[in-house]
Amino acid sequence: MGRGRARAKQAKVARELKYSSSVTDFEALQRELADQSTAPREEFESTPEASGLRSADHSHREE
């Protein structure tokens, strides 16, 4: 109980986003995506979850 108001607000926001006819700045989006693609990703790739392995698989790992 108590999620009704929060859920209604989320539905309202989602509906506004779905049906809004805002103008998309594709050039700004392209710049933003280009900046993200040059960011170093090694911190994410080194985690067991990122490589598809479960944490249980690494429980015997020596450090």
C-alpha atoms as a PDB file:
ATOM      1  CA  MET A   1       0.000   0.000   0.000  1.00  0.00           C
ATOM      2  CA  GLY A   2       1.222   3.525  -0.663  1.00  0.00           C
ATOM      3  CA  ARG A   3       2.604   2.970  -4.171  1.00  0.00           C
ATOM      4  CA  GLY A   4      -0.538   4.199  -5.912  1.00  0.00           C
ATOM      5  CA  ARG A   5       0.459   7.837  -6.099  1.00  0.00           C
ATOM      6  CA  ALA A   6       4.058   7.106  -7.161  1.00  0.00           C
ATOM      7  CA  ARG A   7       2.870   4.615  -9.746  1.00  0.00           C
ATOM      8  CA  ALA A   8       0.328   7.075 -11.136  1.00  0.00           C
ATOM      9  CA  LYS A   9       3.014   9.737 -11.447  1.00  0.00           C
ATOM     10  CA  GLN A  10       5.323   7.326 -13.297  1.00  0.00           C
ATOM     11  CA  ALA A  11       2.493   6.433 -15.663  1.00  0.00           C
ATOM     12  CA  LYS A  12       1.791  10.123 -16.279  1.00  0.00           C
ATOM     13  CA  VAL A  13       5.440  10.872 -17.054  1.00  0.00           C
ATOM     14  CA  ALA A  14       5.714   7.829 -19.309  1.00  0.00           C
ATOM     15  CA  ARG A  15       2.560   8.847 -21.170  1.00  0.00           C
ATOM     16  CA  GLU A  16       3.866  12.399 -21.651  1.00  0.00           C
ATOM     17  CA  LEU A  17       7.151  11.079 -23.012  1.00  0.00           C
ATOM     18  CA  LYS A  18       5.441   8.611 -25.313  1.00  0.00           C
ATOM     19  CA  TYR A  19       3.005  11.045 -26.865  1.00  0.00           C
ATOM     20  CA  SER A  20       5.013  14.269 -26.771  1.00  0.00           C
ATOM     21  CA  SER A  21       6.055  15.725 -30.101  1.00  0.00           C
ATOM     22  CA  SER A  22       9.248  17.360 -28.941  1.00  0.00           C
ATOM     23  CA  VAL A  23      11.996  18.164 -31.399  1.00  0.00           C
ATOM     24  CA  THR A  24      15.049  15.926 -31.055  1.00  0.00           C
ATOM     25  CA  ASP A  25      18.462  17.498 -31.514  1.00  0.00           C
ATOM     26  CA  PHE A  26      20.160  14.656 -33.359  1.00  0.00           C
ATOM     27  CA  GLU A  27      23.452  16.542 -33.676  1.00  0.00           C
ATOM     28  CA  ALA A  28      23.701  16.942 -29.900  1.00  0.00           C
ATOM     29  CA  LEU A  29      22.785  13.282 -29.460  1.00  0.00           C
ATOM     30  CA  GLN A  30      25.491  12.248 -31.908  1.00  0.00           C
ATOM     31  CA  ARG A  31      28.089  14.353 -30.066  1.00  0.00           C
ATOM     32  CA  GLU A  32      27.053  12.867 -26.728  1.00  0.00           C
ATOM     33  CA  LEU A  33      27.260   9.314 -28.032  1.00  0.00           C
ATOM     34  CA  ALA A  34      30.629  10.002 -29.644  1.00  0.00           C
ATOM     35  CA  ASP A  35      31.958  11.312 -26.320  1.00  0.00           C
ATOM     36  CA  GLN A  36      30.756   8.182 -24.511  1.00  0.00           C
ATOM     37  CA  SER A  37      32.339   5.842 -27.031  1.00  0.00           C
ATOM     38  CA  THR A  38      35.798   7.314 -26.358  1.00  0.00           C
ATOM     39  CA  ALA A  39      35.470   6.906 -22.569  1.00  0.00           C
ATOM     40  CA  PRO A  40      37.602   4.159 -21.027  1.00  0.00           C
ATOM     41  CA  ARG A  41      35.512   1.048 -20.396  1.00  0.00           C
ATOM     42  CA  GLU A  42      38.093  -1.184 -18.758  1.00  0.00           C
ATOM     43  CA  GLU A  43      36.601  -0.678 -15.282  1.00  0.00           C
ATOM     44  CA  PHE A  44      33.379  -2.308 -16.485  1.00  0.00           C
ATOM     45  CA  GLU A  45      34.984  -5.075 -18.486  1.00  0.00           C
ATOM     46  CA  SER A  46      37.145  -6.270 -15.616  1.00  0.00           C
ATOM     47  CA  THR A  47      34.198  -7.212 -13.401  1.00  0.00           C
ATOM     48  CA  PRO A  48      33.034 -10.845 -13.400  1.00  0.00           C
ATOM     49  CA  GLU A  49      29.470  -9.748 -14.152  1.00  0.00           C
ATOM     50  CA  ALA A  50      30.582  -7.906 -17.299  1.00  0.00           C
ATOM     51  CA  SER A  51      32.374 -10.962 -18.629  1.00  0.00           C
ATOM     52  CA  GLY A  52      29.312 -13.157 -18.060  1.00  0.00           C
ATOM     53  CA  LEU A  53      30.671 -15.022 -15.035  1.00  0.00           C
ATOM     54  CA  ARG A  54      28.805 -15.279 -11.783  1.00  0.00           C
ATOM     55  CA  SER A  55      30.324 -14.246  -8.450  1.00  0.00           C
ATOM     56  CA  ALA A  56      29.987 -17.852  -7.244  1.00  0.00           C
ATOM     57  CA  ASP A  57      32.473 -18.856  -9.937  1.00  0.00           C
ATOM     58  CA  HIS A  58      35.063 -16.597  -8.316  1.00  0.00           C
ATOM     59  CA  SER A  59      34.524 -17.634  -4.698  1.00  0.00           C
ATOM     60  CA  HIS A  60      37.716 -19.732  -4.763  1.00  0.00           C
ATOM     61  CA  ARG A  61      39.815 -16.942  -6.289  1.00  0.00           C
ATOM     62  CA  GLU A  62      43.085 -16.145  -4.501  1.00  0.00           C
ATOM     63  CA  GLU A  63      43.980 -12.497  -4.035  1.00  0.00           C
END
